N, C-alpha and C. Protein backbone atom coordinates (compact mmCIF):
# COMPACT_ATOMS: atom_id res chain seq x y z
N MET A 1 105.86 110.98 96.90
CA MET A 1 106.16 109.57 96.81
C MET A 1 107.65 109.39 96.58
N SER A 2 108.21 108.44 97.28
CA SER A 2 109.65 108.23 97.15
C SER A 2 109.91 106.91 96.44
N VAL A 3 109.77 106.94 95.13
CA VAL A 3 110.04 105.76 94.32
C VAL A 3 111.21 106.07 93.41
N ASN A 4 112.32 105.34 93.58
CA ASN A 4 113.49 105.51 92.73
C ASN A 4 113.21 104.83 91.40
N PRO A 5 113.02 105.60 90.32
CA PRO A 5 112.63 105.00 89.04
C PRO A 5 113.70 104.05 88.47
N ASP A 6 114.98 104.33 88.72
CA ASP A 6 116.03 103.44 88.23
C ASP A 6 115.98 102.08 88.92
N LEU A 7 115.86 102.11 90.24
CA LEU A 7 115.78 100.87 91.01
C LEU A 7 114.51 100.10 90.66
N LEU A 8 113.41 100.81 90.51
CA LEU A 8 112.16 100.16 90.14
C LEU A 8 112.24 99.58 88.74
N GLY A 9 112.93 100.27 87.84
CA GLY A 9 113.13 99.74 86.48
C GLY A 9 113.92 98.45 86.50
N THR A 10 114.96 98.39 87.33
CA THR A 10 115.75 97.17 87.48
C THR A 10 114.87 96.04 88.03
N LEU A 11 114.08 96.36 89.04
CA LEU A 11 113.17 95.38 89.64
C LEU A 11 112.17 94.86 88.60
N MET A 12 111.58 95.75 87.82
CA MET A 12 110.60 95.36 86.81
C MET A 12 111.25 94.46 85.76
N SER A 13 112.44 94.82 85.32
CA SER A 13 113.14 94.05 84.29
C SER A 13 113.48 92.65 84.80
N GLN A 14 114.05 92.57 86.01
CA GLN A 14 114.42 91.26 86.55
C GLN A 14 113.19 90.40 86.83
N ASN A 15 112.08 91.03 87.24
CA ASN A 15 110.86 90.25 87.48
C ASN A 15 110.30 89.70 86.17
N GLU A 16 110.37 90.47 85.09
CA GLU A 16 109.89 89.99 83.79
C GLU A 16 110.73 88.81 83.31
N ASN A 17 112.03 88.87 83.55
CA ASN A 17 112.93 87.84 83.05
C ASN A 17 113.01 86.61 83.95
N ASN A 18 112.86 86.79 85.27
CA ASN A 18 113.12 85.70 86.20
C ASN A 18 111.98 85.33 87.13
N SER A 19 110.87 86.05 87.13
CA SER A 19 109.78 85.84 88.09
C SER A 19 110.34 85.77 89.51
N LEU A 20 110.65 86.92 90.06
CA LEU A 20 111.23 87.01 91.40
C LEU A 20 110.27 86.47 92.45
N ASN A 21 110.80 86.13 93.63
CA ASN A 21 110.00 85.69 94.76
C ASN A 21 109.64 86.91 95.61
N PHE A 22 108.35 87.14 95.79
CA PHE A 22 107.86 88.26 96.59
C PHE A 22 107.16 87.72 97.83
N THR A 23 107.33 88.44 98.95
CA THR A 23 106.67 88.07 100.20
C THR A 23 105.93 89.29 100.73
N LEU A 24 104.64 89.12 101.00
CA LEU A 24 103.83 90.17 101.60
C LEU A 24 103.79 89.92 103.09
N THR A 25 104.15 90.93 103.89
CA THR A 25 104.15 90.80 105.34
C THR A 25 103.03 91.68 105.90
N LEU A 26 102.18 91.05 106.69
CA LEU A 26 101.02 91.74 107.25
C LEU A 26 100.77 91.22 108.65
N ASN A 27 100.76 92.10 109.64
CA ASN A 27 100.55 91.72 111.05
C ASN A 27 101.53 90.62 111.47
N ASP A 28 102.79 90.77 111.10
CA ASP A 28 103.86 89.82 111.44
C ASP A 28 103.67 88.44 110.82
N LEU A 29 102.79 88.32 109.84
CA LEU A 29 102.61 87.07 109.10
C LEU A 29 103.13 87.27 107.69
N SER A 30 103.71 86.22 107.11
CA SER A 30 104.26 86.30 105.76
C SER A 30 103.42 85.45 104.81
N PHE A 31 103.17 86.02 103.63
CA PHE A 31 102.38 85.35 102.60
C PHE A 31 103.14 85.44 101.27
N PRO A 32 103.38 84.31 100.61
CA PRO A 32 104.01 84.37 99.28
C PRO A 32 103.07 85.09 98.30
N LEU A 33 103.64 86.00 97.53
CA LEU A 33 102.90 86.74 96.50
C LEU A 33 103.39 86.22 95.15
N ILE A 34 102.48 85.62 94.37
CA ILE A 34 102.88 84.99 93.11
C ILE A 34 102.25 85.73 91.93
N ASP A 35 102.71 85.38 90.74
CA ASP A 35 102.21 85.98 89.49
C ASP A 35 102.24 87.51 89.58
N VAL A 36 103.36 88.05 90.03
CA VAL A 36 103.49 89.49 90.25
C VAL A 36 103.81 90.20 88.94
N SER A 37 103.08 91.29 88.70
CA SER A 37 103.40 92.17 87.58
C SER A 37 103.47 93.60 88.10
N ILE A 38 104.41 94.36 87.53
CA ILE A 38 104.59 95.77 87.90
C ILE A 38 104.57 96.57 86.62
N THR A 39 103.73 97.60 86.58
CA THR A 39 103.62 98.45 85.39
C THR A 39 103.58 99.91 85.79
N ASN A 40 103.94 100.77 84.86
CA ASN A 40 103.79 102.20 85.04
C ASN A 40 102.59 102.60 84.22
N SER A 41 101.50 102.97 84.90
CA SER A 41 100.23 103.19 84.23
C SER A 41 99.64 104.55 84.57
N PRO A 42 98.81 105.08 83.68
CA PRO A 42 98.11 106.32 84.01
C PRO A 42 97.09 106.09 85.11
N ILE A 43 96.90 107.08 85.95
CA ILE A 43 95.86 107.00 86.97
C ILE A 43 94.80 108.04 86.65
N PRO A 44 93.56 107.80 87.03
CA PRO A 44 92.48 108.70 86.64
C PRO A 44 92.44 109.98 87.47
N VAL A 45 93.52 110.73 87.47
CA VAL A 45 93.58 111.99 88.20
C VAL A 45 94.06 113.06 87.23
N ASN A 46 93.25 114.08 87.05
CA ASN A 46 93.61 115.17 86.13
C ASN A 46 94.28 116.33 86.84
N GLU A 47 94.10 116.41 88.15
CA GLU A 47 94.70 117.49 88.92
C GLU A 47 95.03 116.95 90.30
N PRO A 48 95.91 117.62 91.06
CA PRO A 48 96.25 117.13 92.40
C PRO A 48 94.99 116.95 93.24
N THR A 49 94.95 115.84 93.97
CA THR A 49 93.78 115.53 94.77
C THR A 49 94.19 114.69 95.98
N THR A 50 93.32 114.63 96.96
CA THR A 50 93.53 113.77 98.12
C THR A 50 92.42 112.74 98.13
N ARG A 51 92.79 111.47 98.25
CA ARG A 51 91.80 110.39 98.34
C ARG A 51 92.23 109.46 99.45
N GLY A 52 91.38 109.33 100.43
CA GLY A 52 91.68 108.41 101.53
C GLY A 52 92.93 108.80 102.28
N GLY A 53 93.21 110.10 102.40
CA GLY A 53 94.39 110.56 103.12
C GLY A 53 95.66 110.46 102.31
N VAL A 54 95.57 110.00 101.06
CA VAL A 54 96.74 109.88 100.19
C VAL A 54 96.67 110.98 99.14
N TYR A 55 97.72 111.75 99.01
CA TYR A 55 97.77 112.86 98.07
C TYR A 55 98.31 112.37 96.74
N PHE A 56 97.54 112.54 95.69
CA PHE A 56 97.95 112.16 94.35
C PHE A 56 98.24 113.43 93.56
N SER A 57 99.44 113.55 93.02
CA SER A 57 99.73 114.70 92.16
C SER A 57 100.25 114.25 90.80
N ASP A 58 100.71 113.02 90.70
CA ASP A 58 101.22 112.50 89.44
C ASP A 58 100.08 111.90 88.63
N THR A 59 100.20 111.96 87.31
CA THR A 59 99.18 111.34 86.48
C THR A 59 99.57 109.90 86.10
N PHE A 60 100.76 109.48 86.50
CA PHE A 60 101.20 108.09 86.30
C PHE A 60 101.58 107.51 87.66
N ALA A 61 101.36 106.22 87.81
CA ALA A 61 101.72 105.54 89.05
C ALA A 61 102.26 104.15 88.71
N TYR A 62 103.11 103.65 89.58
CA TYR A 62 103.60 102.28 89.43
C TYR A 62 102.58 101.36 90.10
N LYS A 63 101.96 100.52 89.28
CA LYS A 63 100.94 99.61 89.78
C LYS A 63 101.53 98.20 89.86
N MET A 64 101.05 97.47 90.86
CA MET A 64 101.54 96.12 91.11
C MET A 64 100.33 95.21 91.30
N LYS A 65 100.39 94.05 90.68
CA LYS A 65 99.36 93.03 90.88
C LYS A 65 100.04 91.75 91.33
N GLY A 66 99.38 91.03 92.20
CA GLY A 66 99.91 89.75 92.65
C GLY A 66 98.81 88.91 93.26
N THR A 67 99.09 87.64 93.42
CA THR A 67 98.10 86.68 93.91
C THR A 67 98.61 86.02 95.18
N VAL A 68 97.70 85.87 96.15
CA VAL A 68 97.99 85.14 97.38
C VAL A 68 97.05 83.95 97.42
N LYS A 69 97.61 82.75 97.63
CA LYS A 69 96.80 81.54 97.66
C LYS A 69 96.31 81.19 99.07
N ASP A 70 96.82 81.87 100.07
CA ASP A 70 96.43 81.61 101.46
C ASP A 70 95.30 82.58 101.82
N LEU A 71 94.06 82.08 101.86
CA LEU A 71 92.91 82.95 102.10
C LEU A 71 92.79 83.43 103.55
N SER A 72 93.67 82.97 104.43
CA SER A 72 93.64 83.49 105.80
C SER A 72 94.06 84.97 105.83
N ILE A 73 94.55 85.48 104.71
CA ILE A 73 94.93 86.89 104.62
C ILE A 73 93.71 87.81 104.48
N VAL A 74 92.59 87.29 104.02
CA VAL A 74 91.43 88.11 103.68
C VAL A 74 90.97 89.01 104.84
N PRO A 75 90.76 88.50 106.06
CA PRO A 75 90.31 89.40 107.12
C PRO A 75 91.35 90.46 107.49
N LEU A 76 92.62 90.20 107.21
CA LEU A 76 93.66 91.18 107.52
C LEU A 76 93.67 92.33 106.52
N LEU A 77 93.16 92.10 105.32
CA LEU A 77 93.19 93.11 104.27
C LEU A 77 92.10 94.16 104.42
N THR A 78 91.01 93.84 105.13
CA THR A 78 89.90 94.79 105.20
C THR A 78 90.29 96.10 105.86
N LYS A 79 91.30 96.08 106.70
CA LYS A 79 91.74 97.31 107.36
C LYS A 79 92.78 98.06 106.52
N LYS A 80 93.15 97.51 105.38
CA LYS A 80 94.19 98.11 104.56
C LYS A 80 93.68 98.80 103.31
N MET A 81 92.45 98.48 102.89
CA MET A 81 91.96 99.01 101.62
C MET A 81 90.98 100.14 101.85
N LEU A 82 91.07 101.14 101.00
CA LEU A 82 90.10 102.23 101.03
C LEU A 82 88.73 101.65 100.76
N GLY A 83 87.75 102.12 101.44
CA GLY A 83 86.38 101.60 101.30
C GLY A 83 85.85 101.40 102.70
N PRO A 84 86.31 100.31 103.36
CA PRO A 84 85.89 100.19 104.74
C PRO A 84 86.59 101.21 105.64
N ASN A 85 87.65 101.82 105.16
CA ASN A 85 88.42 102.77 105.95
C ASN A 85 88.50 104.10 105.21
N THR A 86 88.79 105.16 105.95
CA THR A 86 88.95 106.46 105.31
C THR A 86 90.38 106.67 104.85
N GLU A 87 91.30 105.84 105.29
CA GLU A 87 92.70 105.96 104.88
C GLU A 87 93.24 104.61 104.44
N PHE A 88 94.18 104.66 103.49
CA PHE A 88 94.86 103.44 103.08
C PHE A 88 95.82 103.00 104.17
N GLY A 89 95.97 101.70 104.36
CA GLY A 89 97.05 101.16 105.16
C GLY A 89 98.08 100.60 104.19
N GLU A 90 99.34 100.77 104.49
CA GLU A 90 100.37 100.29 103.57
C GLU A 90 100.61 98.79 103.74
N LEU A 91 100.85 98.13 102.63
CA LEU A 91 101.27 96.73 102.63
C LEU A 91 102.76 96.70 102.34
N LYS A 92 103.50 95.88 103.06
CA LYS A 92 104.94 95.75 102.86
C LYS A 92 105.22 94.45 102.10
N ILE A 93 105.94 94.61 101.00
CA ILE A 93 106.29 93.47 100.16
C ILE A 93 107.81 93.47 99.98
N THR A 94 108.45 92.32 100.14
CA THR A 94 109.90 92.24 99.98
C THR A 94 110.25 91.25 98.88
N THR A 95 111.40 91.50 98.27
CA THR A 95 111.96 90.60 97.28
C THR A 95 113.46 90.83 97.22
N GLN A 96 114.16 89.99 96.49
CA GLN A 96 115.60 90.19 96.28
C GLN A 96 115.87 90.27 94.79
N ILE A 97 116.73 91.23 94.43
CA ILE A 97 117.17 91.36 93.05
C ILE A 97 118.68 91.19 93.01
N ASP A 98 119.20 91.01 91.81
CA ASP A 98 120.64 90.92 91.60
C ASP A 98 121.13 92.31 91.19
N CYS A 99 121.99 92.89 92.01
CA CYS A 99 122.53 94.22 91.72
C CYS A 99 124.04 94.08 91.53
N GLU A 100 124.46 94.06 90.27
CA GLU A 100 125.88 93.93 89.92
C GLU A 100 126.50 92.70 90.57
N GLY A 101 125.79 91.59 90.50
CA GLY A 101 126.30 90.32 91.02
C GLY A 101 126.08 90.10 92.50
N LYS A 102 125.49 91.06 93.20
CA LYS A 102 125.23 90.92 94.63
C LYS A 102 123.73 90.95 94.87
N PRO A 103 123.24 90.12 95.81
CA PRO A 103 121.81 90.17 96.12
C PRO A 103 121.47 91.46 96.88
N MET A 104 120.35 92.07 96.52
CA MET A 104 119.89 93.29 97.19
C MET A 104 118.43 93.06 97.58
N THR A 105 118.11 93.32 98.85
CA THR A 105 116.74 93.21 99.32
C THR A 105 116.00 94.50 99.03
N ILE A 106 114.83 94.36 98.42
CA ILE A 106 113.98 95.50 98.09
C ILE A 106 112.72 95.40 98.93
N GLU A 107 112.33 96.52 99.56
CA GLU A 107 111.07 96.61 100.28
C GLU A 107 110.17 97.56 99.50
N LEU A 108 109.01 97.07 99.12
CA LEU A 108 108.02 97.89 98.44
C LEU A 108 106.88 98.15 99.42
N PHE A 109 106.45 99.39 99.49
CA PHE A 109 105.30 99.74 100.31
C PHE A 109 104.20 100.17 99.35
N THR A 110 103.05 99.52 99.47
CA THR A 110 101.98 99.71 98.50
C THR A 110 100.68 100.07 99.20
N ASN A 111 99.78 100.69 98.44
CA ASN A 111 98.40 100.88 98.87
C ASN A 111 97.55 99.89 98.09
N LEU A 112 96.71 99.16 98.79
CA LEU A 112 95.81 98.21 98.16
C LEU A 112 94.63 98.98 97.57
N THR A 113 94.43 98.84 96.26
CA THR A 113 93.35 99.56 95.60
C THR A 113 92.18 98.67 95.23
N ASN A 114 92.43 97.37 95.08
CA ASN A 114 91.36 96.46 94.70
C ASN A 114 91.78 95.03 95.02
N SER A 115 90.80 94.18 95.28
CA SER A 115 91.09 92.75 95.45
C SER A 115 89.94 91.96 94.84
N VAL A 116 90.29 90.81 94.26
CA VAL A 116 89.31 89.90 93.68
C VAL A 116 89.57 88.53 94.28
N GLN A 117 88.54 88.00 94.95
CA GLN A 117 88.69 86.72 95.64
C GLN A 117 87.94 85.63 94.90
N THR A 118 88.59 84.48 94.77
CA THR A 118 87.96 83.27 94.25
C THR A 118 88.01 82.24 95.39
N PRO A 119 87.45 81.06 95.21
CA PRO A 119 87.51 80.07 96.28
C PRO A 119 88.93 79.63 96.65
N ASN A 120 89.91 79.83 95.74
CA ASN A 120 91.26 79.33 95.98
C ASN A 120 92.31 80.39 96.19
N LEU A 121 92.02 81.65 95.84
CA LEU A 121 93.07 82.67 95.90
C LEU A 121 92.44 84.05 95.95
N ILE A 122 93.30 85.04 96.20
CA ILE A 122 92.89 86.44 96.15
C ILE A 122 93.92 87.21 95.34
N GLU A 123 93.44 87.95 94.35
CA GLU A 123 94.33 88.77 93.52
C GLU A 123 94.28 90.20 94.04
N LEU A 124 95.45 90.77 94.28
CA LEU A 124 95.56 92.11 94.84
C LEU A 124 96.06 93.08 93.78
N SER A 125 95.44 94.23 93.72
CA SER A 125 95.90 95.34 92.87
C SER A 125 96.35 96.45 93.79
N MET A 126 97.56 96.95 93.56
CA MET A 126 98.17 97.92 94.46
C MET A 126 98.86 99.04 93.67
N ILE A 127 99.10 100.14 94.36
CA ILE A 127 99.92 101.22 93.83
C ILE A 127 101.16 101.31 94.73
N ILE A 128 102.33 101.32 94.11
CA ILE A 128 103.58 101.41 94.87
C ILE A 128 103.77 102.86 95.32
N VAL A 129 103.95 103.07 96.62
CA VAL A 129 104.12 104.42 97.13
C VAL A 129 105.53 104.68 97.66
N LYS A 130 106.25 103.62 98.00
CA LYS A 130 107.60 103.79 98.55
C LYS A 130 108.44 102.57 98.20
N LEU A 131 109.74 102.79 98.07
CA LEU A 131 110.67 101.72 97.71
C LEU A 131 111.94 101.92 98.52
N ASN A 132 112.34 100.88 99.27
CA ASN A 132 113.59 100.92 100.05
C ASN A 132 114.48 99.79 99.60
N SER A 133 115.79 100.00 99.70
CA SER A 133 116.73 98.94 99.40
C SER A 133 117.82 98.91 100.46
N ASN A 134 118.38 97.69 100.65
CA ASN A 134 119.51 97.58 101.60
C ASN A 134 120.41 96.46 101.19
């Protein structure tokens, strides 16, 4: 996994203080992702393993939760989550942070691990697998 812990730490700190704007892009469609939280949490893996084509060797992972209010995303997610598929599909999420007074675009690539749908929204639980900046 290529996650820069310093950059992710900056992202987590700025999101806690400012509630950054996140956008989930799926099949060339953009969906605002709100109420985003990012944590470094233990994962239930005691030894290296492969699940859904994804190799897990760390016992901690950066987890991300967020909510989408546009339910037209639901049919697009079924091909991205383990369960109906044997492999995870990555979700691309973008945001901007302040890096020494300059805006920096961050791209997060995540695996969808769980979703909870209500009549008005869908809450997504993800694991961050890659982080790019430009």
